[in-house]
Amino acid sequence: GQPQPSTPQGHHTALPAPPPPPAAPGANPAAGDSALSDDVVRSHQLLLMLVVAALLSALLTALWLAMLRAGARVFIYAGAAGGVVMGLTNATWLLSQGNTAGLTLGLLSLCLTATCAVYLGFNRHRVDFSVSLLATVARLVREYPAMLAAAAAAFALQLLWVVIWCTAFAPTALRARQGGVLFLLTMALLWTTQLIKAVLHTTVAGTVASWYFLSPNVPRRPTARAARRALTTSFGSLCLGSLVASTLKALRAIIRLAFLSKDARTGYGNNMSSVGGTVRACFLCMLGFLDVLVRYFNEYAYTQVAIYGKSFTSASRDTWTLLMHGGTGVDYLLQRDLVGTAVALGAMLSGLLVSFATG
């Protein structure tokens, strides 16, 4: 072999470092850092906006509850009047379309709005009971703040589940021939969100039932007890009821997507002037009406599950009997709507204020 050059003992000759690769023509070394900095700034701005929206929403919620305790009657009438105005606006817009579907749905919306207005005018005495309900609910929320904590926990869990679901749905949607998997993912999303709502509803209903039936000897931490029952002995019933509701929602979504896909292939678009378009609009309207009925029905069934610990099937039968008995079921639904108008008015005004504040 060739003789190696001698070096002093304990010293090694360092090889020169290779030169850096030449930069690409027109590349700006600071562009990557600038883009990363912009992303960080946008993330901080988004986080700040979410924090401000959450704090403002909490403040508006507390303010709205205090206002409901002070003057629930005004907000019930304001919410009912707002619903009538929205119904008339919707009917006017549908009638202005000039086609068969628009005229049919517009007349239906006009009749329903007029019916609600006439009923409210002739049954003003029912408002007194709704006022008492709202005032009592506002007082119970202040007395048992754990219900608000349960609602916040349910919202955080639902938000986390949506993020996890999106990470699974996005890459799956890019693959071909994944219709079955996408349907199962959609069912998983709807079923889980409906289940979280059912658990929260049962927890709140159990808390109120403890106050109503056991007052003044209400056990300690009634909200925690109700949540434990909802997540253990009543969990199967809530899963079954949530499956019924989520299946109906999934069917509505699939049918709507099928109609949109057919329109895209045939170029039919949004033309609803034909008989087929009218039938389609009426069919979707009937599905929406059925979805609303199932949602109302499940709320009463979940309440019986929370109070009496019944199974979902037994609670469903008893709820059907309750709603169909002597016309009182219609009164229950109307009382719920009267209370819901005030709550919906508060949610709408709070949403508008938060959107204006956060830009």
Protein backbone atom coordinates (compact mmCIF):
# COMPACT_ATOMS: atom_id res chain seq x y z
CA GLY A 1 0.00 0.00 0.00
CA GLN A 2 0.86 3.64 -0.24
CA PRO A 3 2.60 5.15 2.76
CA GLN A 4 0.31 7.31 4.90
CA PRO A 5 1.37 10.84 5.81
CA SER A 6 2.60 10.96 9.34
CA THR A 7 0.91 13.25 11.86
CA PRO A 8 1.86 14.13 15.38
CA GLN A 9 0.63 11.63 17.96
CA GLY A 10 -2.87 12.46 19.28
CA HIS A 11 -3.74 14.75 16.39
CA HIS A 12 -5.98 13.98 13.37
CA THR A 13 -6.29 15.91 10.20
CA ALA A 14 -9.85 17.34 9.83
CA LEU A 15 -11.43 16.94 6.42
CA PRO A 16 -12.85 20.14 4.93
CA ALA A 17 -16.66 20.45 5.10
CA PRO A 18 -18.45 20.11 1.75
CA PRO A 19 -19.72 23.38 0.34
CA PRO A 20 -23.48 24.11 0.81
CA PRO A 21 -25.68 23.29 -2.18
CA PRO A 22 -26.37 26.26 -4.41
CA ALA A 23 -29.70 27.96 -3.88
CA ALA A 24 -32.37 27.47 -6.49
CA PRO A 25 -32.68 30.31 -8.98
CA GLY A 26 -35.12 32.95 -7.71
CA ALA A 27 -35.50 31.33 -4.26
CA ASN A 28 -35.81 33.65 -1.31
CA PRO A 29 -34.21 32.15 1.84
CA ALA A 30 -36.42 34.30 4.08
CA ALA A 31 -39.68 33.25 2.38
CA GLY A 32 -40.07 30.06 4.42
CA ASP A 33 -39.44 31.85 7.70
CA SER A 34 -41.88 34.60 6.71
CA ALA A 35 -44.63 32.10 5.84
CA LEU A 36 -44.05 30.25 9.11
CA SER A 37 -44.20 33.52 11.03
CA ASP A 38 -47.49 34.43 9.31
CA ASP A 39 -48.96 31.06 10.26
CA VAL A 40 -47.94 31.54 13.88
CA VAL A 41 -49.48 35.02 13.94
CA ARG A 42 -52.72 33.74 12.43
CA SER A 43 -52.84 30.89 14.94
CA HIS A 44 -52.37 33.32 17.82
CA GLN A 45 -55.07 35.59 16.42
CA LEU A 46 -57.47 32.66 16.05
CA LEU A 47 -56.75 31.49 19.58
CA LEU A 48 -57.29 35.00 20.94
CA MET A 49 -60.56 35.29 19.01
CA LEU A 50 -61.79 31.97 20.42
CA VAL A 51 -60.89 33.02 23.97
CA VAL A 52 -62.66 36.37 23.58
CA ALA A 53 -65.72 34.64 22.07
CA ALA A 54 -65.85 32.12 24.93
CA LEU A 55 -65.56 34.78 27.63
CA LEU A 56 -68.12 37.03 25.95
CA SER A 57 -70.51 34.11 25.50
CA ALA A 58 -70.23 33.19 29.19
CA LEU A 59 -70.89 36.81 30.18
CA LEU A 60 -73.90 37.07 27.87
CA THR A 61 -75.26 33.77 29.19
CA ALA A 62 -75.11 34.99 32.78
CA LEU A 63 -76.71 38.28 31.75
CA TRP A 64 -79.47 36.51 29.84
CA LEU A 65 -80.29 34.24 32.78
CA ALA A 66 -80.53 37.27 35.08
CA MET A 67 -82.84 38.99 32.58
CA LEU A 68 -85.01 35.89 32.33
CA ARG A 69 -85.44 35.83 36.10
CA ALA A 70 -86.46 39.49 36.03
CA GLY A 71 -88.79 39.58 33.02
CA ALA A 72 -89.38 36.27 31.28
CA ARG A 73 -92.77 37.36 29.94
CA VAL A 74 -91.28 40.10 27.76
CA PHE A 75 -88.78 37.72 26.20
CA ILE A 76 -91.41 35.06 25.52
CA TYR A 77 -93.57 37.52 23.64
CA ALA A 78 -90.53 38.97 21.86
CA GLY A 79 -89.39 35.50 20.82
CA ALA A 80 -92.88 34.54 19.64
CA ALA A 81 -93.18 37.76 17.65
CA GLY A 82 -89.76 37.18 16.15
CA GLY A 83 -90.82 33.68 15.10
CA VAL A 84 -93.95 35.05 13.40
CA VAL A 85 -91.90 37.68 11.56
CA MET A 86 -89.40 35.06 10.39
CA GLY A 87 -92.26 32.80 9.26
CA LEU A 88 -93.83 35.61 7.24
CA THR A 89 -90.45 36.47 5.72
CA ASN A 90 -89.88 32.85 4.74
CA ALA A 91 -93.37 32.56 3.25
CA THR A 92 -92.90 35.78 1.26
CA TRP A 93 -89.58 34.60 -0.13
CA LEU A 94 -91.01 31.20 -1.14
CA LEU A 95 -94.05 32.77 -2.80
CA SER A 96 -91.82 35.18 -4.72
CA GLN A 97 -90.07 32.26 -6.45
CA GLY A 98 -93.07 31.85 -8.72
CA ASN A 99 -92.69 28.09 -9.27
CA THR A 100 -94.90 25.26 -8.10
CA ALA A 101 -92.69 24.19 -5.21
CA GLY A 102 -92.27 27.76 -4.01
CA LEU A 103 -96.00 28.41 -4.09
CA THR A 104 -96.79 25.15 -2.29
CA LEU A 105 -94.22 25.58 0.46
CA GLY A 106 -94.93 29.31 0.72
CA LEU A 107 -98.63 28.75 1.31
CA LEU A 108 -97.83 26.00 3.83
CA SER A 109 -95.42 28.29 5.70
CA LEU A 110 -97.97 31.10 5.64
CA CYS A 111 -100.68 28.86 7.07
CA LEU A 112 -98.42 27.56 9.83
CA THR A 113 -97.31 31.07 10.76
CA ALA A 114 -100.89 32.32 10.86
CA THR A 115 -101.90 29.32 12.99
CA CYS A 116 -99.12 30.05 15.49
CA ALA A 117 -100.08 33.72 15.68
CA VAL A 118 -103.77 32.92 16.21
CA TYR A 119 -102.98 30.30 18.85
CA LEU A 120 -100.75 32.69 20.76
CA GLY A 121 -103.46 35.33 20.64
CA PHE A 122 -106.20 33.04 21.98
CA ASN A 123 -104.05 31.24 24.57
CA ARG A 124 -102.24 34.04 26.31
CA HIS A 125 -103.02 32.43 29.67
CA ARG A 126 -100.57 29.64 28.85
CA VAL A 127 -97.76 32.16 28.83
CA ASP A 128 -98.00 32.47 32.62
CA PHE A 129 -96.96 28.85 33.06
CA SER A 130 -94.08 29.30 30.61
CA VAL A 131 -92.94 32.40 32.52
CA SER A 132 -92.91 30.36 35.72
CA LEU A 133 -90.92 27.61 34.00
CA LEU A 134 -88.29 30.01 32.71
CA ALA A 135 -87.90 31.75 36.06
CA THR A 136 -87.55 28.40 37.82
CA VAL A 137 -84.97 27.14 35.35
CA ALA A 138 -82.93 30.31 35.71
CA ARG A 139 -83.01 29.94 39.50
CA LEU A 140 -81.99 26.27 39.32
CA VAL A 141 -79.04 27.05 37.06
CA ARG A 142 -77.83 29.56 39.64
CA GLU A 143 -78.46 27.09 42.48
CA TYR A 144 -76.78 24.13 40.74
CA PRO A 145 -73.91 25.55 38.65
CA ALA A 146 -72.63 22.02 38.04
CA MET A 147 -75.16 21.83 35.19
CA LEU A 148 -73.24 24.58 33.40
CA ALA A 149 -70.01 22.68 34.02
CA ALA A 150 -71.60 19.56 32.53
CA ALA A 151 -72.67 21.54 29.45
CA ALA A 152 -69.14 22.95 29.03
CA ALA A 153 -67.64 19.46 29.37
CA ALA A 154 -70.07 18.07 26.79
CA PHE A 155 -69.20 20.87 24.38
CA ALA A 156 -65.45 20.28 24.80
CA LEU A 157 -65.89 16.52 24.30
CA GLN A 158 -67.99 17.06 21.21
CA LEU A 159 -65.43 19.50 19.77
CA LEU A 160 -62.62 17.01 20.42
CA TRP A 161 -64.59 14.24 18.73
CA VAL A 162 -65.24 16.40 15.65
CA VAL A 163 -61.50 17.13 15.35
CA ILE A 164 -60.64 13.42 15.61
CA TRP A 165 -63.36 12.55 13.12
CA CYS A 166 -62.11 15.12 10.60
CA THR A 167 -58.60 13.65 10.73
CA ALA A 168 -60.08 10.28 9.75
CA PHE A 169 -62.64 11.56 7.25
CA ALA A 170 -60.38 13.87 5.21
CA PRO A 171 -57.89 11.25 3.92
CA THR A 172 -60.66 8.68 3.43
CA ALA A 173 -62.68 11.06 1.25
CA LEU A 174 -59.71 11.40 -1.13
CA ARG A 175 -59.67 7.67 -1.87
CA ALA A 176 -61.77 6.09 -4.56
CA ARG A 177 -64.63 3.67 -3.87
CA GLN A 178 -64.93 4.44 -0.18
CA GLY A 179 -68.68 5.08 -0.08
CA GLY A 180 -69.36 2.45 2.56
CA VAL A 181 -66.56 3.68 4.80
CA LEU A 182 -67.72 7.27 4.43
CA PHE A 183 -71.25 6.24 5.39
CA LEU A 184 -69.97 4.47 8.50
CA LEU A 185 -67.86 7.50 9.42
CA THR A 186 -70.89 9.75 8.99
CA MET A 187 -72.96 7.45 11.18
CA ALA A 188 -70.19 7.48 13.79
CA LEU A 189 -70.14 11.28 13.81
CA LEU A 190 -73.92 11.63 14.10
CA TRP A 191 -74.34 8.81 16.60
CA THR A 192 -71.63 10.11 18.93
CA THR A 193 -72.82 13.72 18.82
CA GLN A 194 -76.41 12.63 19.47
CA LEU A 195 -75.22 10.44 22.35
CA ILE A 196 -73.31 13.32 23.97
CA LYS A 197 -76.42 15.49 23.74
CA ALA A 198 -78.55 12.69 25.22
CA VAL A 199 -76.18 12.22 28.17
CA LEU A 200 -76.20 15.96 28.86
CA HIS A 201 -80.01 16.11 28.58
CA THR A 202 -80.40 13.19 30.97
CA THR A 203 -77.94 14.71 33.43
CA VAL A 204 -79.80 18.02 33.55
CA ALA A 205 -83.18 16.29 33.71
CA GLY A 206 -82.00 14.12 36.60
CA THR A 207 -80.77 17.18 38.49
CA VAL A 208 -84.08 18.99 38.08
CA ALA A 209 -86.00 15.83 39.03
CA SER A 210 -83.98 15.53 42.24
CA TRP A 211 -84.89 19.11 43.12
CA TYR A 212 -88.55 18.65 42.22
CA PHE A 213 -89.22 15.31 43.94
CA LEU A 214 -86.78 15.44 46.87
CA SER A 215 -86.77 19.11 47.86
CA PRO A 216 -85.93 20.20 50.53
CA ASN A 217 -83.99 16.97 51.16
CA VAL A 218 -82.02 17.05 47.92
CA PRO A 219 -78.94 14.79 48.13
CA ARG A 220 -75.49 16.27 47.81
CA ARG A 221 -74.10 16.74 44.30
CA PRO A 222 -77.30 15.83 42.40
CA THR A 223 -75.72 16.65 39.03
CA ALA A 224 -72.87 14.20 39.61
CA ARG A 225 -75.35 11.51 40.65
CA ALA A 226 -77.46 12.11 37.54
CA ALA A 227 -74.38 12.00 35.31
CA ARG A 228 -73.27 8.73 36.88
CA ARG A 229 -76.68 7.16 36.22
CA ALA A 230 -76.64 8.45 32.63
CA LEU A 231 -73.21 6.95 31.99
CA THR A 232 -73.90 3.59 33.66
CA THR A 233 -77.37 2.13 34.13
CA SER A 234 -79.09 4.32 31.51
CA PHE A 235 -76.28 4.44 28.97
CA GLY A 236 -77.65 1.62 26.81
CA SER A 237 -81.04 3.31 26.53
CA LEU A 238 -79.39 6.57 25.52
CA CYS A 239 -77.30 4.75 22.90
CA LEU A 240 -80.43 3.21 21.39
CA GLY A 241 -82.30 6.50 21.24
CA SER A 242 -79.27 8.25 19.75
CA LEU A 243 -78.98 5.52 17.12
CA VAL A 244 -82.59 6.11 16.02
CA ALA A 245 -82.06 9.86 15.70
CA SER A 246 -78.68 9.58 13.96
CA THR A 247 -79.99 7.00 11.47
CA LEU A 248 -82.76 9.35 10.40
CA LYS A 249 -80.30 12.23 10.04
CA ALA A 250 -77.96 10.05 7.99
CA LEU A 251 -80.80 9.00 5.68
CA ARG A 252 -81.72 12.67 5.16
CA ALA A 253 -78.13 13.49 4.28
CA ILE A 254 -77.80 10.54 1.87
CA ILE A 255 -81.06 11.36 0.07
CA ARG A 256 -80.11 15.02 -0.23
CA LEU A 257 -76.67 14.11 -1.59
CA ALA A 258 -78.26 11.67 -4.04
CA PHE A 259 -80.52 14.42 -5.36
CA LEU A 260 -77.59 16.82 -5.70
CA SER A 261 -75.49 14.19 -7.47
CA LYS A 262 -78.30 13.47 -9.92
CA ASP A 263 -78.70 17.19 -10.61
CA ALA A 264 -74.98 17.50 -11.28
CA ARG A 265 -75.07 14.64 -13.80
CA THR A 266 -78.23 15.68 -15.60
CA GLY A 267 -77.79 19.44 -15.38
CA TYR A 268 -81.17 19.73 -13.70
CA GLY A 269 -79.81 22.28 -11.22
CA ASN A 270 -82.19 23.98 -8.86
CA ASN A 271 -85.13 24.05 -11.26
CA MET A 272 -88.14 23.10 -9.18
CA SER A 273 -90.83 24.06 -11.63
CA SER A 274 -91.60 20.49 -12.71
CA VAL A 275 -93.75 17.96 -10.93
CA GLY A 276 -90.65 15.95 -9.97
CA GLY A 277 -89.13 18.99 -8.31
CA THR A 278 -92.30 19.59 -6.32
CA VAL A 279 -92.44 15.97 -5.18
CA ARG A 280 -88.78 16.12 -4.22
CA ALA A 281 -89.24 19.30 -2.17
CA CYS A 282 -92.28 17.87 -0.39
CA PHE A 283 -90.44 14.63 0.33
CA LEU A 284 -87.47 16.46 1.86
CA CYS A 285 -89.88 18.61 3.85
CA MET A 286 -91.60 15.51 5.22
CA LEU A 287 -88.24 14.02 6.22
CA GLY A 288 -87.35 17.24 8.01
CA PHE A 289 -90.70 17.23 9.81
CA LEU A 290 -90.14 13.61 10.86
CA ASP A 291 -86.68 14.53 12.13
CA VAL A 292 -88.18 17.30 14.29
CA LEU A 293 -90.80 14.92 15.68
CA VAL A 294 -88.17 12.33 16.57
CA ARG A 295 -86.10 15.00 18.30
CA TYR A 296 -89.06 16.17 20.38
CA PHE A 297 -90.09 12.60 21.12
CA ASN A 298 -86.59 11.62 22.27
CA GLU A 299 -86.37 14.60 24.61
CA TYR A 300 -89.42 13.41 26.55
CA ALA A 301 -88.26 9.79 26.42
CA TYR A 302 -84.82 10.76 27.77
CA THR A 303 -86.53 12.69 30.56
CA GLN A 304 -88.41 9.56 31.64
CA VAL A 305 -85.17 7.60 31.47
CA ALA A 306 -83.54 10.17 33.76
CA ILE A 307 -86.41 10.35 36.27
CA TYR A 308 -87.60 6.76 36.51
CA GLY A 309 -84.65 4.79 35.12
CA LYS A 310 -86.78 3.19 32.38
CA SER A 311 -85.44 1.54 29.28
CA PHE A 312 -85.69 3.49 26.06
CA THR A 313 -88.40 1.22 24.63
CA SER A 314 -90.53 1.50 27.77
CA ALA A 315 -89.95 5.25 27.95
CA SER A 316 -90.92 5.58 24.29
CA ARG A 317 -94.22 3.76 24.82
CA ASP A 318 -95.03 5.88 27.85
CA THR A 319 -94.07 9.05 26.00
CA TRP A 320 -96.38 8.14 23.14
CA THR A 321 -99.22 7.56 25.60
CA LEU A 322 -98.46 10.86 27.32
CA LEU A 323 -98.41 12.88 24.11
CA MET A 324 -101.57 11.26 22.75
CA HIS A 325 -103.60 11.36 25.98
CA GLY A 326 -106.52 13.77 25.79
CA GLY A 327 -104.72 16.39 23.75
CA THR A 328 -102.30 17.21 26.57
CA GLY A 329 -99.37 16.23 24.38
CA VAL A 330 -100.06 19.19 22.13
CA ASP A 331 -100.05 21.44 25.19
CA TYR A 332 -96.66 20.06 26.24
CA LEU A 333 -95.20 20.75 22.81
CA LEU A 334 -96.64 24.26 22.69
CA GLN A 335 -95.34 25.05 26.15
CA ARG A 336 -91.94 23.84 25.03
CA ASP A 337 -92.09 26.10 22.01
CA LEU A 338 -93.06 29.11 24.10
CA VAL A 339 -90.07 28.55 26.34
CA GLY A 340 -87.89 27.79 23.33
CA THR A 341 -88.71 31.12 21.70
CA ALA A 342 -87.14 33.05 24.58
CA VAL A 343 -84.10 30.77 24.63
CA ALA A 344 -83.70 30.99 20.84
CA LEU A 345 -83.97 34.77 20.98
CA GLY A 346 -81.17 34.89 23.53
CA ALA A 347 -78.99 32.54 21.48
CA MET A 348 -79.50 34.58 18.32
CA LEU A 349 -78.76 37.93 19.99
CA SER A 350 -75.73 36.50 21.77
CA GLY A 351 -74.41 35.04 18.53
CA LEU A 352 -74.80 38.38 16.76
CA LEU A 353 -72.99 40.25 19.55
CA VAL A 354 -70.14 37.71 19.63
CA SER A 355 -69.75 37.84 15.85
CA PHE A 356 -69.61 41.64 15.90
CA ALA A 357 -67.09 41.63 18.75
CA THR A 358 -64.75 39.09 17.13
CA GLY A 359 -65.07 40.48 13.62
